[in-house]
Amino acid sequence: MIARRTLLTAVPAVLGLVLPVAAQGYHTRVIRMITPFTPGSPVDVAARLLAQHLGAQLGQSVIVDNRPGAGTTICMKAAAAAEPDGYTLLFQSSSLVVAPLMYRNLDYDPLKAFAPVANVVSSHWVTVVPPSLPARTVPEFIAYARAHPGTLNFGFGQGTAPQLVGEWLKLTNKLDIGSVSYRGGMQAITDMLGGTIHLNIGTASTLVPLIQEGKLRAISVWGPTRFPELPEVPTMIESGFPGLSLWFWAGLWAPAGTPAAIVDKLNAATNSALRSPEMQASMHKLGVEATIGSPQDFAAFIADEAPKWARIVADSGVKVE
């Protein structure tokens, strides 16, 4: 009986060591951070910035693996199929929430295939048009598009949040505007500068420098308040769309089943990296803000975001085979 009591007392203590031991052994291999966007895109730049500082926090190498295409779904599937050991991670934007709503034949559910680690960065979406277009606000753009049906083009990265919100804007306002999809959003910007694209929605980090140089004109931001770098540009709420508030965000995920101790270790290291003065300065230059919180905070944020995007998808009618 004494031996049995001793054993029963020891079992919880041993089990309590399992998770810390899992995290303690997490230092032996290179960590691969997969991102489904093209090199140089805002999500890619944020991923590389995090990889650099996360590697310093963990004392091991973190590399970025770009796998663009198919609206980010191929990359996510590859990351979801990886061993849940913390050595393969996904750095992804709101496309993780958007993809299962848009793709009819998606054979996996990203929301179930991944464990949230950390919501890393956030910023504004910005609507831009060429300076040659006589529209300085969204209502003026809508009026111009209605007066010139079939003459304008909307450019976007295939399967992304900007595609959804742009198509939603077109449909809900009955605008006859062409839709041109690209492998990445940066290609749409290039064609807008060349004169073939007349409407684009993208991140502040990509568009603000071009706006400040006078190469593009901002007509709205999508956050709940104005963007400090563009104080004269109204929000979509101010532009006549009550309650419409959407953010650009990107975060870190691990395959479902990754030990909680490893997820927590990654979260703590990410938050430490985000608090560093060097990373704060780099993010300011990039036009994004740090989002610091727990994995549970990130999960709650996603639970709040998903219904918003579901409504946008339903209203836009965008579906991909």
Protein backbone atom coordinates (compact mmCIF):
# COMPACT_ATOMS: atom_id res chain seq x y z
CA MET A 1 0.00 0.00 0.00
CA ILE A 2 2.84 2.37 0.82
CA ALA A 3 4.47 1.59 -2.51
CA ARG A 4 1.18 2.21 -4.34
CA ARG A 5 0.66 5.56 -2.59
CA THR A 6 4.21 6.55 -3.44
CA LEU A 7 3.64 5.65 -7.09
CA LEU A 8 0.33 7.52 -7.28
CA THR A 9 1.93 10.58 -5.74
CA ALA A 10 4.80 10.47 -8.19
CA VAL A 11 2.69 10.12 -11.35
CA PRO A 12 1.29 13.72 -11.40
CA ALA A 13 4.76 15.09 -10.75
CA VAL A 14 6.16 13.11 -13.67
CA LEU A 15 3.31 14.15 -15.96
CA GLY A 16 3.89 17.76 -14.96
CA LEU A 17 7.40 17.50 -16.36
CA VAL A 18 6.30 16.33 -19.80
CA LEU A 19 5.50 19.72 -21.29
CA PRO A 20 8.57 21.55 -19.95
CA VAL A 21 10.79 18.71 -21.18
CA ALA A 22 9.21 18.98 -24.65
CA ALA A 23 10.12 22.65 -24.77
CA GLN A 24 13.59 22.12 -23.31
CA GLY A 25 14.50 19.77 -26.17
CA TYR A 26 13.32 22.27 -28.76
CA HIS A 27 16.73 23.55 -29.85
CA THR A 28 18.19 20.99 -32.21
CA ARG A 29 17.13 21.92 -35.76
CA VAL A 30 16.50 24.87 -38.05
CA ILE A 31 12.95 26.26 -37.81
CA ARG A 32 11.26 26.72 -41.18
CA MET A 33 8.67 29.50 -41.35
CA ILE A 34 6.51 29.00 -44.45
CA THR A 35 4.72 32.01 -45.89
CA PRO A 36 2.36 31.86 -48.89
CA PHE A 37 3.31 35.25 -50.34
CA THR A 38 5.89 36.44 -52.83
CA PRO A 39 9.28 37.80 -51.68
CA GLY A 40 9.08 41.52 -50.96
CA SER A 41 5.35 41.48 -50.15
CA PRO A 42 4.28 42.98 -46.81
CA VAL A 43 3.63 39.58 -45.23
CA ASP A 44 6.99 38.28 -46.46
CA VAL A 45 8.87 41.30 -45.11
CA ALA A 46 7.14 40.96 -41.72
CA ALA A 47 7.95 37.24 -41.69
CA ARG A 48 11.64 37.89 -42.39
CA LEU A 49 11.77 40.55 -39.73
CA LEU A 50 10.24 38.17 -37.19
CA ALA A 51 12.49 35.29 -38.27
CA GLN A 52 15.58 37.37 -37.65
CA HIS A 53 14.59 38.43 -34.14
CA LEU A 54 12.88 35.15 -33.22
CA GLY A 55 16.05 33.26 -34.08
CA ALA A 56 17.99 35.54 -31.74
CA GLN A 57 15.50 34.94 -28.94
CA LEU A 58 15.52 31.16 -29.36
CA GLY A 59 19.21 30.80 -30.10
CA GLN A 60 18.57 28.82 -33.27
CA SER A 61 18.19 29.54 -36.98
CA VAL A 62 14.78 30.51 -38.38
CA ILE A 63 14.44 30.63 -42.17
CA VAL A 64 11.58 31.89 -44.35
CA ASP A 65 10.24 29.57 -47.05
CA ASN A 66 8.12 31.41 -49.68
CA ARG A 67 5.45 29.30 -51.38
CA PRO A 68 3.02 31.61 -53.20
CA GLY A 69 0.16 30.51 -55.43
CA ALA A 70 -3.42 29.18 -55.43
CA GLY A 71 -4.62 31.90 -53.10
CA THR A 72 -2.25 30.70 -50.35
CA THR A 73 -4.01 27.32 -50.07
CA ILE A 74 -1.17 25.07 -51.32
CA CYS A 75 1.28 26.56 -48.86
CA MET A 76 -1.12 26.18 -45.96
CA LYS A 77 -1.77 22.55 -46.83
CA ALA A 78 1.97 21.81 -46.88
CA ALA A 79 2.44 23.49 -43.50
CA ALA A 80 -0.57 21.70 -42.02
CA ALA A 81 0.87 18.33 -43.11
CA ALA A 82 4.22 18.96 -41.40
CA GLU A 83 5.19 17.20 -38.20
CA PRO A 84 3.72 19.06 -35.20
CA ASP A 85 7.09 19.44 -33.55
CA GLY A 86 7.59 23.20 -33.75
CA TYR A 87 10.19 23.05 -36.54
CA THR A 88 7.71 23.96 -39.31
CA LEU A 89 5.58 27.05 -38.77
CA LEU A 90 3.20 29.13 -40.90
CA PHE A 91 3.31 32.92 -41.11
CA GLN A 92 -0.01 33.91 -42.60
CA SER A 93 -2.41 36.83 -42.92
CA SER A 94 -6.22 36.97 -42.89
CA SER A 95 -6.09 34.68 -45.93
CA LEU A 96 -6.12 31.83 -43.41
CA VAL A 97 -9.66 32.86 -42.48
CA VAL A 98 -10.64 33.85 -46.03
CA ALA A 99 -9.51 30.68 -47.88
CA PRO A 100 -12.01 28.19 -46.41
CA LEU A 101 -14.81 30.64 -47.20
CA MET A 102 -13.76 31.19 -50.82
CA TYR A 103 -12.53 27.83 -52.06
CA ARG A 104 -15.32 25.37 -52.80
CA ASN A 105 -13.14 22.26 -52.99
CA LEU A 106 -10.68 22.88 -50.18
CA ASP A 107 -10.03 19.47 -48.62
CA TYR A 108 -8.87 20.76 -45.25
CA ASP A 109 -9.97 23.41 -42.76
CA PRO A 110 -7.16 25.87 -41.93
CA LEU A 111 -8.90 26.91 -38.73
CA LYS A 112 -8.68 23.32 -37.49
CA ALA A 113 -5.37 22.44 -39.11
CA PHE A 114 -3.34 25.01 -37.17
CA ALA A 115 -2.78 26.09 -33.60
CA PRO A 116 -2.51 29.88 -33.15
CA VAL A 117 0.86 30.94 -31.74
CA ALA A 118 0.96 34.74 -31.90
CA ASN A 119 -0.78 37.61 -33.69
CA VAL A 120 2.36 39.46 -34.74
CA VAL A 121 1.55 42.62 -36.73
CA SER A 122 -1.41 44.74 -37.77
CA SER A 123 -2.01 47.77 -39.95
CA HIS A 124 -4.52 49.49 -42.23
CA TRP A 125 -5.82 48.46 -45.61
CA VAL A 126 -5.67 51.44 -47.99
CA THR A 127 -7.73 52.00 -51.17
CA VAL A 128 -5.76 53.66 -53.96
CA VAL A 129 -6.41 54.93 -57.48
CA PRO A 130 -4.10 56.53 -60.09
CA PRO A 131 -3.64 60.31 -59.67
CA SER A 132 -5.01 60.71 -63.20
CA LEU A 133 -8.42 59.49 -62.06
CA PRO A 134 -10.67 62.41 -61.00
CA ALA A 135 -11.72 60.82 -57.70
CA ARG A 136 -10.49 61.77 -54.24
CA THR A 137 -12.99 59.85 -52.12
CA VAL A 138 -14.80 56.52 -52.36
CA PRO A 139 -18.16 58.19 -53.20
CA GLU A 140 -16.44 60.13 -56.01
CA PHE A 141 -14.85 56.91 -57.30
CA ILE A 142 -18.23 55.14 -57.26
CA ALA A 143 -19.82 58.03 -59.18
CA TYR A 144 -17.01 58.01 -61.76
CA ALA A 145 -17.20 54.23 -62.21
CA ARG A 146 -20.96 54.40 -62.76
CA ALA A 147 -20.51 57.18 -65.32
CA HIS A 148 -17.82 55.15 -67.17
CA PRO A 149 -18.99 51.51 -67.10
CA GLY A 150 -16.59 48.88 -68.41
CA THR A 151 -13.57 51.20 -68.53
CA LEU A 152 -11.90 50.56 -65.17
CA ASN A 153 -9.99 47.56 -63.79
CA PHE A 154 -9.56 46.32 -60.24
CA GLY A 155 -6.26 44.48 -59.58
CA PHE A 156 -5.57 42.10 -56.68
CA GLY A 157 -3.66 39.05 -55.50
CA GLN A 158 -5.70 35.90 -56.14
CA GLY A 159 -7.49 34.50 -53.11
CA THR A 160 -6.59 37.36 -50.77
CA ALA A 161 -8.54 39.66 -48.47
CA PRO A 162 -8.11 42.65 -50.83
CA GLN A 163 -9.79 40.64 -53.59
CA LEU A 164 -12.76 40.02 -51.33
CA VAL A 165 -13.23 43.57 -50.13
CA GLY A 166 -12.78 44.97 -53.64
CA GLU A 167 -15.31 42.56 -55.14
CA TRP A 168 -17.65 43.33 -52.26
CA LEU A 169 -17.31 47.05 -53.02
CA LYS A 170 -18.05 46.42 -56.70
CA LEU A 171 -21.05 44.19 -56.10
CA THR A 172 -22.75 46.16 -53.36
CA ASN A 173 -22.46 49.36 -55.40
CA LYS A 174 -23.33 47.70 -58.74
CA LEU A 175 -20.10 48.81 -60.43
CA ASP A 176 -19.13 47.56 -63.89
CA ILE A 177 -15.39 47.20 -63.25
CA GLY A 178 -13.09 44.51 -64.63
CA SER A 179 -11.31 42.15 -62.20
CA VAL A 180 -7.68 41.23 -62.86
CA SER A 181 -6.06 38.63 -60.59
CA TYR A 182 -2.33 38.30 -59.99
CA ARG A 183 -0.13 35.78 -58.25
CA GLY A 184 0.80 38.52 -55.78
CA GLY A 185 -0.54 41.95 -54.95
CA MET A 186 2.71 43.71 -55.86
CA GLN A 187 2.14 42.86 -59.53
CA ALA A 188 -1.17 44.71 -59.42
CA ILE A 189 0.62 47.79 -58.08
CA THR A 190 3.14 47.62 -60.93
CA ASP A 191 0.32 47.56 -63.47
CA MET A 192 -1.46 50.41 -61.71
CA LEU A 193 1.68 52.49 -62.07
CA GLY A 194 1.65 51.47 -65.73
CA GLY A 195 -1.94 52.65 -66.22
CA THR A 196 -3.84 49.38 -66.74
CA ILE A 197 -5.22 49.02 -63.18
CA HIS A 198 -7.44 51.73 -61.70
CA LEU A 199 -8.37 50.37 -58.26
CA ASN A 200 -6.31 48.52 -55.69
CA ILE A 201 -6.61 47.75 -52.00
CA GLY A 202 -3.41 46.95 -50.15
CA THR A 203 -1.39 47.39 -47.01
CA ALA A 204 -0.18 50.73 -45.74
CA SER A 205 3.41 49.43 -45.73
CA THR A 206 3.26 48.87 -49.50
CA LEU A 207 1.23 51.88 -50.56
CA VAL A 208 2.12 54.79 -48.28
CA PRO A 209 5.55 55.44 -49.87
CA LEU A 210 3.95 55.53 -53.34
CA ILE A 211 1.19 57.79 -52.06
CA GLN A 212 3.70 60.18 -50.50
CA GLU A 213 5.64 60.27 -53.76
CA GLY A 214 2.46 61.25 -55.61
CA LYS A 215 2.44 58.08 -57.73
CA LEU A 216 -0.85 56.85 -56.23
CA ARG A 217 -3.81 58.57 -54.56
CA ALA A 218 -5.38 57.18 -51.38
CA ILE A 219 -9.16 57.53 -51.20
CA SER A 220 -9.89 55.54 -48.01
CA VAL A 221 -8.52 53.43 -45.18
CA TRP A 222 -10.42 50.45 -43.79
CA GLY A 223 -9.63 50.66 -40.06
CA PRO A 224 -11.97 52.18 -37.47
CA THR A 225 -9.87 55.34 -37.23
CA ARG A 226 -7.74 57.34 -39.64
CA PHE A 227 -4.16 56.26 -40.29
CA PRO A 228 -1.64 58.70 -38.71
CA GLU A 229 0.57 58.62 -41.81
CA LEU A 230 -2.42 59.61 -43.99
CA PRO A 231 -4.38 61.98 -41.74
CA GLU A 232 -6.38 63.53 -44.60
CA VAL A 233 -7.69 60.18 -45.90
CA PRO A 234 -11.15 59.22 -44.56
CA THR A 235 -12.09 55.79 -43.22
CA MET A 236 -14.65 53.63 -44.99
CA ILE A 237 -17.02 54.41 -42.13
CA GLU A 238 -16.61 58.13 -42.84
CA SER A 239 -17.05 57.37 -46.55
CA GLY A 240 -20.62 56.19 -46.07
CA PHE A 241 -20.21 52.57 -44.98
CA PRO A 242 -21.35 52.44 -41.33
CA GLY A 243 -19.80 49.71 -39.21
CA LEU A 244 -17.28 48.66 -41.87
CA SER A 245 -13.91 48.18 -40.18
CA LEU A 246 -11.28 45.70 -41.34
CA TRP A 247 -7.59 45.40 -40.48
CA PHE A 248 -4.54 43.92 -42.15
CA TRP A 249 -2.99 41.43 -39.76
CA ALA A 250 -0.49 38.59 -39.92
CA GLY A 251 0.51 36.04 -37.35
CA LEU A 252 2.35 32.85 -36.54
CA TRP A 253 0.78 29.39 -36.53
CA ALA A 254 1.92 25.84 -35.79
CA PRO A 255 0.44 22.58 -37.11
CA ALA A 256 -2.40 21.30 -34.93
CA GLY A 257 -1.09 18.92 -32.31
CA THR A 258 2.11 20.85 -31.60
CA PRO A 259 2.83 20.49 -27.85
CA ALA A 260 1.45 23.37 -25.82
CA ALA A 261 4.84 23.92 -24.19
CA ILE A 262 6.42 24.56 -27.60
CA VAL A 263 3.56 26.86 -28.64
CA ASP A 264 3.98 28.81 -25.40
CA LYS A 265 7.76 28.99 -25.88
CA LEU A 266 7.31 30.34 -29.40
CA ASN A 267 4.73 32.84 -28.17
CA ALA A 268 7.00 34.10 -25.39
CA ALA A 269 9.96 34.41 -27.77
CA THR A 270 7.80 36.22 -30.35
CA ASN A 271 6.52 38.70 -27.76
CA SER A 272 10.06 39.35 -26.53
CA ALA A 273 11.16 39.98 -30.11
CA LEU A 274 8.25 42.37 -30.69
CA ARG A 275 9.19 44.36 -27.60
CA SER A 276 12.80 44.88 -28.66
CA PRO A 277 13.66 48.48 -29.66
CA GLU A 278 15.31 47.24 -32.87
CA MET A 279 12.21 45.42 -34.04
CA GLN A 280 9.95 48.27 -32.96
CA ALA A 281 11.98 50.64 -35.15
CA SER A 282 11.90 48.23 -38.09
CA MET A 283 8.14 47.78 -37.81
CA HIS A 284 7.63 51.54 -37.72
CA LYS A 285 9.54 51.84 -41.01
CA LEU A 286 7.43 49.00 -42.42
CA GLY A 287 4.19 50.76 -41.42
CA VAL A 288 2.91 48.05 -39.08
CA GLU A 289 2.32 47.78 -35.36
CA ALA A 290 3.25 44.97 -32.98
CA THR A 291 0.40 42.85 -31.64
CA ILE A 292 1.46 41.31 -28.34
CA GLY A 293 -0.64 38.66 -26.61
CA SER A 294 -1.06 35.00 -25.74
CA PRO A 295 -2.07 32.14 -28.06
CA GLN A 296 -5.48 32.33 -26.41
CA ASP A 297 -5.70 36.03 -27.28
CA PHE A 298 -4.93 35.19 -30.91
CA ALA A 299 -7.55 32.42 -30.95
CA ALA A 300 -10.17 34.84 -29.57
CA PHE A 301 -9.20 37.44 -32.19
CA ILE A 302 -9.66 34.88 -34.99
CA ALA A 303 -13.03 33.84 -33.59
CA ASP A 304 -14.09 37.49 -33.81
CA GLU A 305 -12.64 38.03 -37.31
CA ALA A 306 -14.08 34.95 -39.03
CA PRO A 307 -17.75 36.09 -39.02
CA LYS A 308 -16.79 39.47 -40.51
CA TRP A 309 -15.08 37.79 -43.45
CA ALA A 310 -17.91 35.29 -43.82
CA ARG A 311 -20.32 38.18 -44.36
CA ILE A 312 -17.98 39.83 -46.88
CA VAL A 313 -17.66 36.54 -48.82
CA ALA A 314 -21.42 35.99 -48.79
CA ASP A 315 -22.14 39.53 -49.98
CA SER A 316 -19.40 39.54 -52.63
CA GLY A 317 -20.32 36.15 -54.07
CA VAL A 318 -16.63 35.35 -54.64
CA LYS A 319 -15.99 31.62 -54.90
CA VAL A 320 -12.99 29.77 -56.33
CA GLU A 321 -13.08 26.23 -57.70
